[in-house]
Amino acid sequence: MTVRRIVANLNAPDPKLARAFYGDVLGLDLAMDHGWIATFASGEQAAAQVSIASEGGSGTPVPQLSIEVDNVDEVYAKAQTMGFAIVYDITDEPWGVRRFYVRDPFGTIINILSHGAG
């Protein structure tokens, strides 16, 4: 048996509101939209992963979703410009990631990160 994919399902009263954050800020494509569910995707391939944590590192809360990007500083600037709440400011962590936490339109805490320099 092989796990082929892991999909995060986030509860949202109006999935249409996701487009500004997941589409405009993160640059994900709308892959499926049935009104009650909207799926955003990237053409990149990545290993299926699930992280289990007692904290988010550096004393932060555990984020509900972590998204690795190629330029965390660019995403940080977009999130700020569009008025999304920054929960944990952009930081170079001792374990080699540059990251920040932001709330999506539904209150979900998202860890946006890049490995190495942003």
PDB file of N, CA and C in Angstrom:
ATOM      1  N   MET A   1       0.842  -1.172   0.000  1.00  0.00           N
ATOM      2  CA  MET A   1       0.000   0.000   0.000  1.00  0.00           C
ATOM      3  C   MET A   1       0.887   1.234   0.000  1.00  0.00           C
ATOM      4  N   THR A   2       0.528   2.220  -0.826  1.00  0.00           N
ATOM      5  CA  THR A   2       1.284   3.462  -0.935  1.00  0.00           C
ATOM      6  C   THR A   2       0.347   4.650  -0.822  1.00  0.00           C
ATOM      7  N   VAL A   3       0.707   5.613   0.025  1.00  0.00           N
ATOM      8  CA  VAL A   3      -0.045   6.860   0.089  1.00  0.00           C
ATOM      9  C   VAL A   3       0.324   7.667  -1.149  1.00  0.00           C
ATOM     10  N   ARG A   4      -0.653   8.052  -1.925  1.00  0.00           N
ATOM     11  CA  ARG A   4      -0.401   8.788  -3.157  1.00  0.00           C
ATOM     12  C   ARG A   4      -0.521  10.297  -2.988  1.00  0.00           C
ATOM     13  N   ARG A   5      -1.364  10.710  -2.039  1.00  0.00           N
ATOM     14  CA  ARG A   5      -1.601  12.148  -1.890  1.00  0.00           C
ATOM     15  C   ARG A   5      -2.235  12.391  -0.534  1.00  0.00           C
ATOM     16  N   ILE A   6      -1.970  13.538   0.031  1.00  0.00           N
ATOM     17  CA  ILE A   6      -2.639  13.991   1.243  1.00  0.00           C
ATOM     18  C   ILE A   6      -3.239  15.353   0.929  1.00  0.00           C
ATOM     19  N   VAL A   7      -4.510  15.517   1.229  1.00  0.00           N
ATOM     20  CA  VAL A   7      -5.209  16.766   0.941  1.00  0.00           C
ATOM     21  C   VAL A   7      -5.699  17.370   2.254  1.00  0.00           C
ATOM     22  N   ALA A   8      -5.386  18.628   2.484  1.00  0.00           N
ATOM     23  CA  ALA A   8      -5.911  19.343   3.646  1.00  0.00           C
ATOM     24  C   ALA A   8      -7.307  19.861   3.309  1.00  0.00           C
ATOM     25  N   ASN A   9      -8.266  19.598   4.167  1.00  0.00           N
ATOM     26  CA  ASN A   9      -9.634  20.091   4.004  1.00  0.00           C
ATOM     27  C   ASN A   9      -9.908  21.090   5.117  1.00  0.00           C
ATOM     28  N   LEU A  10     -10.033  22.359   4.768  1.00  0.00           N
ATOM     29  CA  LEU A  10     -10.255  23.418   5.747  1.00  0.00           C
ATOM     30  C   LEU A  10     -11.716  23.851   5.719  1.00  0.00           C
ATOM     31  N   ASN A  11     -12.327  23.931   6.884  1.00  0.00           N
ATOM     32  CA  ASN A  11     -13.722  24.331   6.990  1.00  0.00           C
ATOM     33  C   ASN A  11     -13.863  25.815   6.672  1.00  0.00           C
ATOM     34  N   ALA A  12     -14.805  26.145   5.800  1.00  0.00           N
ATOM     35  CA  ALA A  12     -15.028  27.536   5.407  1.00  0.00           C
ATOM     36  C   ALA A  12     -16.503  27.739   5.084  1.00  0.00           C
ATOM     37  N   PRO A  13     -17.135  28.753   5.676  1.00  0.00           N
ATOM     38  CA  PRO A  13     -18.544  28.998   5.377  1.00  0.00           C
ATOM     39  C   PRO A  13     -18.777  29.435   3.921  1.00  0.00           C
ATOM     40  N   ASP A  14     -17.807  30.089   3.306  1.00  0.00           N
ATOM     41  CA  ASP A  14     -17.926  30.529   1.913  1.00  0.00           C
ATOM     42  C   ASP A  14     -16.605  30.293   1.186  1.00  0.00           C
ATOM     43  N   PRO A  15     -16.441  29.128   0.566  1.00  0.00           N
ATOM     44  CA  PRO A  15     -15.171  28.805  -0.105  1.00  0.00           C
ATOM     45  C   PRO A  15     -14.730  29.814  -1.163  1.00  0.00           C
ATOM     46  N   LYS A  16     -15.661  30.605  -1.714  1.00  0.00           N
ATOM     47  CA  LYS A  16     -15.278  31.604  -2.727  1.00  0.00           C
ATOM     48  C   LYS A  16     -14.300  32.633  -2.164  1.00  0.00           C
ATOM     49  N   LEU A  17     -14.353  32.866  -0.856  1.00  0.00           N
ATOM     50  CA  LEU A  17     -13.461  33.844  -0.236  1.00  0.00           C
ATOM     51  C   LEU A  17     -12.008  33.377  -0.216  1.00  0.00           C
ATOM     52  N   ALA A  18     -11.775  32.116  -0.504  1.00  0.00           N
ATOM     53  CA  ALA A  18     -10.418  31.561  -0.493  1.00  0.00           C
ATOM     54  C   ALA A  18      -9.577  32.056  -1.664  1.00  0.00           C
ATOM     55  N   ARG A  19     -10.212  32.478  -2.729  1.00  0.00           N
ATOM     56  CA  ARG A  19      -9.487  32.850  -3.951  1.00  0.00           C
ATOM     57  C   ARG A  19      -8.454  33.958  -3.705  1.00  0.00           C
ATOM     58  N   ALA A  20      -8.794  34.974  -2.914  1.00  0.00           N
ATOM     59  CA  ALA A  20      -7.862  36.088  -2.676  1.00  0.00           C
ATOM     60  C   ALA A  20      -6.593  35.614  -1.978  1.00  0.00           C
ATOM     61  N   PHE A  21      -6.729  34.702  -1.021  1.00  0.00           N
ATOM     62  CA  PHE A  21      -5.551  34.244  -0.285  1.00  0.00           C
ATOM     63  C   PHE A  21      -4.818  33.134  -1.034  1.00  0.00           C
ATOM     64  N   TYR A  22      -5.492  32.034  -1.307  1.00  0.00           N
ATOM     65  CA  TYR A  22      -4.830  30.871  -1.901  1.00  0.00           C
ATOM     66  C   TYR A  22      -4.488  31.090  -3.380  1.00  0.00           C
ATOM     67  N   GLY A  23      -5.278  31.884  -4.069  1.00  0.00           N
ATOM     68  CA  GLY A  23      -4.993  32.190  -5.468  1.00  0.00           C
ATOM     69  C   GLY A  23      -4.079  33.391  -5.629  1.00  0.00           C
ATOM     70  N   ASP A  24      -4.496  34.543  -5.091  1.00  0.00           N
ATOM     71  CA  ASP A  24      -3.754  35.781  -5.312  1.00  0.00           C
ATOM     72  C   ASP A  24      -2.470  35.882  -4.491  1.00  0.00           C
ATOM     73  N   VAL A  25      -2.512  35.537  -3.208  1.00  0.00           N
ATOM     74  CA  VAL A  25      -1.306  35.639  -2.378  1.00  0.00           C
ATOM     75  C   VAL A  25      -0.342  34.501  -2.678  1.00  0.00           C
ATOM     76  N   LEU A  26      -0.850  33.263  -2.698  1.00  0.00           N
ATOM     77  CA  LEU A  26       0.027  32.098  -2.867  1.00  0.00           C
ATOM     78  C   LEU A  26       0.225  31.672  -4.320  1.00  0.00           C
ATOM     79  N   GLY A  27      -0.582  32.179  -5.232  1.00  0.00           N
ATOM     80  CA  GLY A  27      -0.408  31.840  -6.644  1.00  0.00           C
ATOM     81  C   GLY A  27      -0.847  30.435  -7.024  1.00  0.00           C
ATOM     82  N   LEU A  28      -1.719  29.830  -6.204  1.00  0.00           N
ATOM     83  CA  LEU A  28      -2.222  28.496  -6.535  1.00  0.00           C
ATOM     84  C   LEU A  28      -3.336  28.607  -7.568  1.00  0.00           C
ATOM     85  N   ASP A  29      -3.466  27.591  -8.404  1.00  0.00           N
ATOM     86  CA  ASP A  29      -4.512  27.547  -9.428  1.00  0.00           C
ATOM     87  C   ASP A  29      -5.775  26.924  -8.851  1.00  0.00           C
ATOM     88  N   LEU A  30      -6.930  27.448  -9.240  1.00  0.00           N
ATOM     89  CA  LEU A  30      -8.197  26.838  -8.862  1.00  0.00           C
ATOM     90  C   LEU A  30      -8.384  25.589  -9.710  1.00  0.00           C
ATOM     91  N   ALA A  31      -8.214  24.432  -9.099  1.00  0.00           N
ATOM     92  CA  ALA A  31      -8.261  23.163  -9.824  1.00  0.00           C
ATOM     93  C   ALA A  31      -9.665  22.578  -9.882  1.00  0.00           C
ATOM     94  N   MET A  32     -10.498  22.905  -8.888  1.00  0.00           N
ATOM     95  CA  MET A  32     -11.852  22.372  -8.838  1.00  0.00           C
ATOM     96  C   MET A  32     -12.711  23.337  -8.041  1.00  0.00           C
ATOM     97  N   ASP A  33     -13.935  23.566  -8.500  1.00  0.00           N
ATOM     98  CA  ASP A  33     -14.860  24.433  -7.775  1.00  0.00           C
ATOM     99  C   ASP A  33     -16.275  23.897  -7.962  1.00  0.00           C
ATOM    100  N   HIS A  34     -16.834  23.357  -6.884  1.00  0.00           N
ATOM    101  CA  HIS A  34     -18.213  22.860  -6.911  1.00  0.00           C
ATOM    102  C   HIS A  34     -19.132  23.760  -6.096  1.00  0.00           C
ATOM    103  N   GLY A  35     -18.658  24.938  -5.722  1.00  0.00           N
ATOM    104  CA  GLY A  35     -19.446  25.851  -4.912  1.00  0.00           C
ATOM    105  C   GLY A  35     -19.249  25.583  -3.423  1.00  0.00           C
ATOM    106  N   TRP A  36     -19.484  24.375  -3.006  1.00  0.00           N
ATOM    107  CA  TRP A  36     -19.329  23.993  -1.594  1.00  0.00           C
ATOM    108  C   TRP A  36     -17.902  23.584  -1.266  1.00  0.00           C
ATOM    109  N   ILE A  37     -17.091  23.321  -2.285  1.00  0.00           N
ATOM    110  CA  ILE A  37     -15.675  22.994  -2.114  1.00  0.00           C
ATOM    111  C   ILE A  37     -14.889  23.608  -3.264  1.00  0.00           C
ATOM    112  N   ALA A  38     -13.774  24.228  -2.928  1.00  0.00           N
ATOM    113  CA  ALA A  38     -12.852  24.778  -3.926  1.00  0.00           C
ATOM    114  C   ALA A  38     -11.484  24.188  -3.620  1.00  0.00           C
ATOM    115  N   THR A  39     -10.851  23.620  -4.627  1.00  0.00           N
ATOM    116  CA  THR A  39      -9.533  23.019  -4.461  1.00  0.00           C
ATOM    117  C   THR A  39      -8.516  23.842  -5.239  1.00  0.00           C
ATOM    118  N   PHE A  40      -7.459  24.251  -4.541  1.00  0.00           N
ATOM    119  CA  PHE A  40      -6.377  25.010  -5.145  1.00  0.00           C
ATOM    120  C   PHE A  40      -5.170  24.097  -5.251  1.00  0.00           C
ATOM    121  N   ALA A  41      -4.424  24.218  -6.339  1.00  0.00           N
ATOM    122  CA  ALA A  41      -3.315  23.294  -6.580  1.00  0.00           C
ATOM    123  C   ALA A  41      -2.146  24.004  -7.249  1.00  0.00           C
ATOM    124  N   SER A  42      -0.994  23.356  -7.125  1.00  0.00           N
ATOM    125  CA  SER A  42       0.220  23.783  -7.790  1.00  0.00           C
ATOM    126  C   SER A  42       0.662  22.640  -8.693  1.00  0.00           C
ATOM    127  N   GLY A  43       1.374  22.932  -9.744  1.00  0.00           N
ATOM    128  CA  GLY A  43       1.899  21.891 -10.614  1.00  0.00           C
ATOM    129  C   GLY A  43       3.114  21.190 -10.038  1.00  0.00           C
ATOM    130  N   GLU A  44       3.632  21.689  -8.925  1.00  0.00           N
ATOM    131  CA  GLU A  44       4.802  21.085  -8.283  1.00  0.00           C
ATOM    132  C   GLU A  44       4.441  19.743  -7.657  1.00  0.00           C
ATOM    133  N   GLN A  45       5.389  18.841  -7.658  1.00  0.00           N
ATOM    134  CA  GLN A  45       5.216  17.545  -7.002  1.00  0.00           C
ATOM    135  C   GLN A  45       6.011  17.547  -5.706  1.00  0.00           C
ATOM    136  N   ALA A  46       5.409  17.032  -4.644  1.00  0.00           N
ATOM    137  CA  ALA A  46       6.078  16.981  -3.344  1.00  0.00           C
ATOM    138  C   ALA A  46       5.713  15.679  -2.646  1.00  0.00           C
ATOM    139  N   ALA A  47       6.543  15.288  -1.713  1.00  0.00           N
ATOM    140  CA  ALA A  47       6.266  14.090  -0.926  1.00  0.00           C
ATOM    141  C   ALA A  47       5.051  14.326  -0.037  1.00  0.00           C
ATOM    142  N   ALA A  48       4.254  13.288   0.153  1.00  0.00           N
ATOM    143  CA  ALA A  48       3.125  13.368   1.078  1.00  0.00           C
ATOM    144  C   ALA A  48       3.673  13.399   2.502  1.00  0.00           C
ATOM    145  N   GLN A  49       3.211  14.335   3.299  1.00  0.00           N
ATOM    146  CA  GLN A  49       3.712  14.489   4.659  1.00  0.00           C
ATOM    147  C   GLN A  49       2.579  14.838   5.607  1.00  0.00           C
ATOM    148  N   VAL A  50       2.689  14.382   6.839  1.00  0.00           N
ATOM    149  CA  VAL A  50       1.829  14.788   7.943  1.00  0.00           C
ATOM    150  C   VAL A  50       2.748  15.072   9.116  1.00  0.00           C
ATOM    151  N   SER A  51       2.647  16.257   9.703  1.00  0.00           N
ATOM    152  CA  SER A  51       3.465  16.600  10.864  1.00  0.00           C
ATOM    153  C   SER A  51       2.586  16.577  12.108  1.00  0.00           C
ATOM    154  N   ILE A  52       3.118  16.005  13.179  1.00  0.00           N
ATOM    155  CA  ILE A  52       2.442  15.939  14.469  1.00  0.00           C
ATOM    156  C   ILE A  52       3.308  16.744  15.441  1.00  0.00           C
ATOM    157  N   ALA A  53       2.739  17.763  16.088  1.00  0.00           N
ATOM    158  CA  ALA A  53       3.561  18.675  16.892  1.00  0.00           C
ATOM    159  C   ALA A  53       2.877  19.082  18.190  1.00  0.00           C
ATOM    160  N   SER A  54       3.696  19.329  19.221  1.00  0.00           N
ATOM    161  CA  SER A  54       3.181  19.835  20.491  1.00  0.00           C
ATOM    162  C   SER A  54       3.246  21.358  20.539  1.00  0.00           C
ATOM    163  N   GLU A  55       4.024  21.960  19.648  1.00  0.00           N
ATOM    164  CA  GLU A  55       4.110  23.414  19.491  1.00  0.00           C
ATOM    165  C   GLU A  55       4.599  23.695  18.082  1.00  0.00           C
ATOM    166  N   GLY A  56       4.555  24.961  17.678  1.00  0.00           N
ATOM    167  CA  GLY A  56       4.972  25.334  16.337  1.00  0.00           C
ATOM    168  C   GLY A  56       6.438  25.682  16.202  1.00  0.00           C
ATOM    169  N   GLY A  57       7.210  25.560  17.290  1.00  0.00           N
ATOM    170  CA  GLY A  57       8.617  25.957  17.272  1.00  0.00           C
ATOM    171  C   GLY A  57       8.752  27.402  17.684  1.00  0.00           C
ATOM    172  N   SER A  58       9.827  27.721  18.383  1.00  0.00           N
ATOM    173  CA  SER A  58      10.075  29.081  18.892  1.00  0.00           C
ATOM    174  C   SER A  58       8.924  29.583  19.759  1.00  0.00           C
ATOM    175  N   GLY A  59       8.225  28.648  20.424  1.00  0.00           N
ATOM    176  CA  GLY A  59       7.145  29.019  21.324  1.00  0.00           C
ATOM    177  C   GLY A  59       5.854  29.433  20.652  1.00  0.00           C
ATOM    178  N   THR A  60       5.698  29.158  19.366  1.00  0.00           N
ATOM    179  CA  THR A  60       4.495  29.542  18.628  1.00  0.00           C
ATOM    180  C   THR A  60       3.443  28.444  18.722  1.00  0.00           C
ATOM    181  N   PRO A  61       2.178  28.783  18.440  1.00  0.00           N
ATOM    182  CA  PRO A  61       1.151  27.740  18.385  1.00  0.00           C
ATOM    183  C   PRO A  61       1.379  26.843  17.167  1.00  0.00           C
ATOM    184  N   VAL A  62       0.821  25.659  17.202  1.00  0.00           N
ATOM    185  CA  VAL A  62       0.931  24.747  16.051  1.00  0.00           C
ATOM    186  C   VAL A  62       0.055  25.297  14.929  1.00  0.00           C
ATOM    187  N   PRO A  63       0.647  25.590  13.767  1.00  0.00           N
ATOM    188  CA  PRO A  63      -0.164  26.055  12.644  1.00  0.00           C
ATOM    189  C   PRO A  63      -0.985  24.893  12.089  1.00  0.00           C
ATOM    190  N   GLN A  64      -2.120  25.202  11.517  1.00  0.00           N
ATOM    191  CA  GLN A  64      -2.979  24.157  10.967  1.00  0.00           C
ATOM    192  C   GLN A  64      -2.497  23.677   9.603  1.00  0.00           C
ATOM    193  N   LEU A  65      -1.675  24.470   8.946  1.00  0.00           N
ATOM    194  CA  LEU A  65      -1.193  24.131   7.616  1.00  0.00           C
ATOM    195  C   LEU A  65       0.158  24.798   7.423  1.00  0.00           C
ATOM    196  N   SER A  66       1.107  24.104   6.805  1.00  0.00           N
ATOM    197  CA  SER A  66       2.402  24.686   6.445  1.00  0.00           C
ATOM    198  C   SER A  66       2.540  24.628   4.935  1.00  0.00           C
ATOM    199  N   ILE A  67       2.945  25.745   4.355  1.00  0.00           N
ATOM    200  CA  ILE A  67       3.104  25.834   2.905  1.00  0.00           C
ATOM    201  C   ILE A  67       4.499  26.347   2.611  1.00  0.00           C
ATOM    202  N   GLU A  68       5.285  25.526   1.924  1.00  0.00           N
ATOM    203  CA  GLU A  68       6.626  25.941   1.528  1.00  0.00           C
ATOM    204  C   GLU A  68       6.554  26.648   0.178  1.00  0.00           C
ATOM    205  N   VAL A  69       7.208  27.797   0.094  1.00  0.00           N
ATOM    206  CA  VAL A  69       7.240  28.594  -1.133  1.00  0.00           C
ATOM    207  C   VAL A  69       8.694  28.858  -1.525  1.00  0.00           C
ATOM    208  N   ASP A  70       8.907  29.295  -2.742  1.00  0.00           N
ATOM    209  CA  ASP A  70      10.280  29.568  -3.182  1.00  0.00           C
ATOM    210  C   ASP A  70      10.775  30.945  -2.744  1.00  0.00           C
ATOM    211  N   ASN A  71       9.850  31.867  -2.381  1.00  0.00           N
ATOM    212  CA  ASN A  71      10.260  33.212  -1.959  1.00  0.00           C
ATOM    213  C   ASN A  71       9.313  33.697  -0.861  1.00  0.00           C
ATOM    214  N   VAL A  72       9.650  33.397   0.374  1.00  0.00           N
ATOM    215  CA  VAL A  72       8.786  33.728   1.504  1.00  0.00           C
ATOM    216  C   VAL A  72       8.630  35.241   1.674  1.00  0.00           C
ATOM    217  N   ASP A  73       9.657  36.008   1.343  1.00  0.00           N
ATOM    218  CA  ASP A  73       9.565  37.461   1.486  1.00  0.00           C
ATOM    219  C   ASP A  73       8.528  38.050   0.528  1.00  0.00           C
ATOM    220  N   GLU A  74       8.439  37.510  -0.661  1.00  0.00           N
ATOM    221  CA  GLU A  74       7.445  37.966  -1.640  1.00  0.00           C
ATOM    222  C   GLU A  74       6.028  37.672  -1.145  1.00  0.00           C
ATOM    223  N   VAL A  75       5.810  36.480  -0.615  1.00  0.00           N
ATOM    224  CA  VAL A  75       4.486  36.109  -0.113  1.00  0.00           C
ATOM    225  C   VAL A  75       4.133  36.954   1.112  1.00  0.00           C
ATOM    226  N   TYR A  76       5.111  37.183   1.973  1.00  0.00           N
ATOM    227  CA  TYR A  76       4.912  38.028   3.157  1.00  0.00           C
ATOM    228  C   TYR A  76       4.442  39.425   2.736  1.00  0.00           C
ATOM    229  N   ALA A  77       5.113  40.010   1.751  1.00  0.00           N
ATOM    230  CA  ALA A  77       4.749  41.347   1.270  1.00  0.00           C
ATOM    231  C   ALA A  77       3.330  41.355   0.702  1.00  0.00           C
ATOM    232  N   LYS A  78       2.968  40.329  -0.081  1.00  0.00           N
ATOM    233  CA  LYS A  78       1.615  40.251  -0.646  1.00  0.00           C
ATOM    234  C   LYS A  78       0.572  40.135   0.460  1.00  0.00           C
ATOM    235  N   ALA A  79       0.829  39.275   1.441  1.00  0.00           N
ATOM    236  CA  ALA A  79      -0.119  39.077   2.538  1.00  0.00           C
ATOM    237  C   ALA A  79      -0.331  40.380   3.303  1.00  0.00           C
ATOM    238  N   GLN A  80       0.748  41.117   3.562  1.00  0.00           N
ATOM    239  CA  GLN A  80       0.638  42.400   4.255  1.00  0.00           C
ATOM    240  C   GLN A  80      -0.133  43.416   3.414  1.00  0.00           C
ATOM    241  N   THR A  81       0.213  43.522   2.146  1.00  0.00           N
ATOM    242  CA  THR A  81      -0.433  44.476   1.248  1.00  0.00           C
ATOM    243  C   THR A  81      -1.933  44.214   1.150  1.00  0.00           C
ATOM    244  N   MET A  82      -2.314  42.940   1.135  1.00  0.00           N
ATOM    245  CA  MET A  82      -3.734  42.578   1.001  1.00  0.00           C
ATOM    246  C   MET A  82      -4.468  42.582   2.345  1.00  0.00           C
ATOM    247  N   GLY A  83      -3.754  42.891   3.438  1.00  0.00           N
ATOM    248  CA  GLY A  83      -4.404  43.060   4.724  1.00  0.00           C
ATOM    249  C   GLY A  83      -4.666  41.798   5.523  1.00  0.00           C
ATOM    250  N   PHE A  84      -3.991  40.696   5.184  1.00  0.00           N
ATOM    251  CA  PHE A  84      -4.163  39.473   5.963  1.00  0.00           C
ATOM    252  C   PHE A  84      -3.386  39.599   7.273  1.00  0.00           C
ATOM    253  N   ALA A  85      -3.964  39.085   8.358  1.00  0.00           N
ATOM    254  CA  ALA A  85      -3.365  39.212   9.691  1.00  0.00           C
ATOM    255  C   ALA A  85      -2.107  38.360   9.806  1.00  0.00           C
ATOM    256  N   ILE A  86      -0.994  39.007  10.122  1.00  0.00           N
ATOM    257  CA  ILE A  86       0.260  38.297  10.375  1.00  0.00           C
ATOM    258  C   ILE A  86       0.245  37.916  11.858  1.00  0.00           C
ATOM    259  N   VAL A  87       0.292  36.608  12.130  1.00  0.00           N
ATOM    260  CA  VAL A  87       0.200  36.089  13.494  1.00  0.00           C
ATOM    261  C   VAL A  87       1.587  35.973  14.129  1.00  0.00           C
ATOM    262  N   TYR A  88       2.588  35.659  13.319  1.00  0.00           N
ATOM    263  CA  TYR A  88       3.981  35.517  13.762  1.00  0.00           C
ATOM    264  C   TYR A  88       4.822  36.155  12.672  1.00  0.00           C
ATOM    265  N   ASP A  89       5.548  37.204  13.028  1.00  0.00           N
ATOM    266  CA  ASP A  89       6.278  37.986  12.027  1.00  0.00           C
ATOM    267  C   ASP A  89       7.375  37.160  11.358  1.00  0.00           C
ATOM    268  N   ILE A  90       7.778  37.592  10.190  1.00  0.00           N
ATOM    269  CA  ILE A  90       8.790  36.871   9.420  1.00  0.00           C
ATOM    270  C   ILE A  90      10.077  36.745  10.248  1.00  0.00           C
ATOM    271  N   THR A  91      10.592  35.513  10.301  1.00  0.00           N
ATOM    272  CA  THR A  91      11.704  35.185  11.191  1.00  0.00           C
ATOM    273  C   THR A  91      12.612  34.150  10.549  1.00  0.00           C
ATOM    274  N   ASP A  92      13.909  34.302  10.736  1.00  0.00           N
ATOM    275  CA  ASP A  92      14.873  33.260  10.370  1.00  0.00           C
ATOM    276  C   ASP A  92      15.023  32.352  11.581  1.00  0.00           C
ATOM    277  N   GLU A  93      14.562  31.114  11.468  1.00  0.00           N
ATOM    278  CA  GLU A  93      14.574  30.174  12.588  1.00  0.00           C
ATOM    279  C   GLU A  93      15.907  29.438  12.673  1.00  0.00           C
ATOM    280  N   PRO A  94      16.297  29.011  13.876  1.00  0.00           N
ATOM    281  CA  PRO A  94      17.585  28.330  14.047  1.00  0.00           C
ATOM    282  C   PRO A  94      17.679  26.985  13.325  1.00  0.00           C
ATOM    283  N   TRP A  95      16.568  26.410  12.910  1.00  0.00           N
ATOM    284  CA  TRP A  95      16.608  25.117  12.212  1.00  0.00           C
ATOM    285  C   TRP A  95      16.635  25.280  10.691  1.00  0.00           C
ATOM    286  N   GLY A  96      16.873  26.518  10.211  1.00  0.00           N
ATOM    287  CA  GLY A  96      17.156  26.731   8.794  1.00  0.00           C
ATOM    288  C   GLY A  96      15.989  27.115   7.911  1.00  0.00           C
ATOM    289  N   VAL A  97      14.869  27.553   8.484  1.00  0.00           N
ATOM    290  CA  VAL A  97      13.775  28.050   7.659  1.00  0.00           C
ATOM    291  C   VAL A  97      13.535  29.523   7.955  1.00  0.00           C
ATOM    292  N   ARG A  98      13.045  30.223   6.961  1.00  0.00           N
ATOM    293  CA  ARG A  98      12.565  31.597   7.114  1.00  0.00           C
ATOM    294  C   ARG A  98      11.066  31.486   6.961  1.00  0.00           C
ATOM    295  N   ARG A  99      10.318  32.019   7.931  1.00  0.00           N
ATOM    296  CA  ARG A  99       8.879  31.793   7.903  1.00  0.00           C
ATOM    297  C   ARG A  99       8.108  32.894   8.594  1.00  0.00           C
ATOM    298  N   PHE A 100       6.783  32.862   8.377  1.00  0.00           N
ATOM    299  CA  PHE A 100       5.843  33.702   9.109  1.00  0.00           C
ATOM    300  C   PHE A 100       4.516  32.958   9.167  1.00  0.00           C
ATOM    301  N   TYR A 101       3.678  33.352  10.127  1.00  0.00           N
ATOM    302  CA  TYR A 101       2.326  32.798  10.230  1.00  0.00           C
ATOM    303  C   TYR A 101       1.342  33.885   9.806  1.00  0.00           C
ATOM    304  N   VAL A 102       0.323  33.474   9.068  1.00  0.00           N
ATOM    305  CA  VAL A 102      -0.718  34.384   8.610  1.00  0.00           C
ATOM    306  C   VAL A 102      -2.066  33.682   8.771  1.00  0.00           C
ATOM    307  N   ARG A 103      -3.119  34.471   9.015  1.00  0.00           N
ATOM    308  CA  ARG A 103      -4.470  33.915   9.071  1.00  0.00           C
ATOM    309  C   ARG A 103      -5.100  34.015   7.692  1.00  0.00           C
ATOM    310  N   ASP A 104      -5.646  32.902   7.213  1.00  0.00           N
ATOM    311  CA  ASP A 104      -6.377  32.945   5.951  1.00  0.00           C
ATOM    312  C   ASP A 104      -7.742  33.589   6.209  1.00  0.00           C
ATOM    313  N   PRO A 105      -8.600  33.764   5.197  1.00  0.00           N
ATOM    314  CA  PRO A 105      -9.889  34.451   5.407  1.00  0.00           C
ATOM    315  C   PRO A 105     -10.821  33.749   6.403  1.00  0.00           C
ATOM    316  N   PHE A 106     -10.519  32.503   6.758  1.00  0.00           N
ATOM    317  CA  PHE A 106     -11.390  31.727   7.636  1.00  0.00           C
ATOM    318  C   PHE A 106     -10.815  31.568   9.037  1.00  0.00           C
ATOM    319  N   GLY A 107      -9.689  32.239   9.316  1.00  0.00           N
ATOM    320  CA  GLY A 107      -9.076  32.190  10.629  1.00  0.00           C
ATOM    321  C   GLY A 107      -8.052  31.088  10.808  1.00  0.00           C
ATOM    322  N   THR A 108      -7.784  30.320   9.764  1.00  0.00           N
ATOM    323  CA  THR A 108      -6.809  29.242   9.824  1.00  0.00           C
ATOM    324  C   THR A 108      -5.404  29.821   9.903  1.00  0.00           C
ATOM    325  N   ILE A 109      -4.608  29.340  10.861  1.00  0.00           N
ATOM    326  CA  ILE A 109      -3.221  29.793  10.967  1.00  0.00           C
ATOM    327  C   ILE A 109      -2.371  28.996   9.978  1.00  0.00           C
ATOM    328  N   ILE A 110      -1.738  29.716   9.048  1.00  0.00           N
ATOM    329  CA  ILE A 110      -0.921  29.106   8.004  1.00  0.00           C
ATOM    330  C   ILE A 110       0.530  29.498   8.228  1.00  0.00           C
ATOM    331  N   ASN A 111       1.408  28.508   8.239  1.00  0.00           N
ATOM    332  CA  ASN A 111       2.857  28.703   8.336  1.00  0.00           C
ATOM    333  C   ASN A 111       3.381  28.771   6.905  1.00  0.00           C
ATOM    334  N   ILE A 112       3.876  29.930   6.490  1.00  0.00           N
ATOM    335  CA  ILE A 112       4.453  30.098   5.157  1.00  0.00           C
ATOM    336  C   ILE A 112       5.968  30.103   5.347  1.00  0.00           C
ATOM    337  N   LEU A 113       6.684  29.247   4.604  1.00  0.00           N
ATOM    338  CA  LEU A 113       8.124  29.103   4.845  1.00  0.00           C
ATOM    339  C   LEU A 113       8.908  28.865   3.572  1.00  0.00           C
ATOM    340  N   SER A 114      10.191  29.180   3.677  1.00  0.00           N
ATOM    341  CA  SER A 114      11.196  28.797   2.680  1.00  0.00           C
ATOM    342  C   SER A 114      12.367  28.227   3.437  1.00  0.00           C
ATOM    343  N   HIS A 115      13.002  27.214   2.865  1.00  0.00           N
ATOM    344  CA  HIS A 115      14.233  26.688   3.455  1.00  0.00           C
ATOM    345  C   HIS A 115      15.392  27.571   3.022  1.00  0.00           C
ATOM    346  N   GLY A 116      16.287  27.895   3.930  1.00  0.00           N
ATOM    347  CA  GLY A 116      17.404  28.767   3.612  1.00  0.00           C
ATOM    348  C   GLY A 116      16.932  30.199   3.489  1.00  0.00           C
ATOM    349  N   ALA A 117      17.682  31.022   2.807  1.00  0.00           N
ATOM    350  CA  ALA A 117      17.336  32.432   2.637  1.00  0.00           C
ATOM    351  C   ALA A 117      16.068  32.567   1.797  1.00  0.00           C
ATOM    352  N   GLY A 118      15.234  33.558   2.144  1.00  0.00           N
ATOM    353  CA  GLY A 118      13.972  33.798   1.457  1.00  0.00           C
ATOM    354  C   GLY A 118      14.163  34.198   0.044  1.00  0.00           C
TER     355      GLY A 118
END
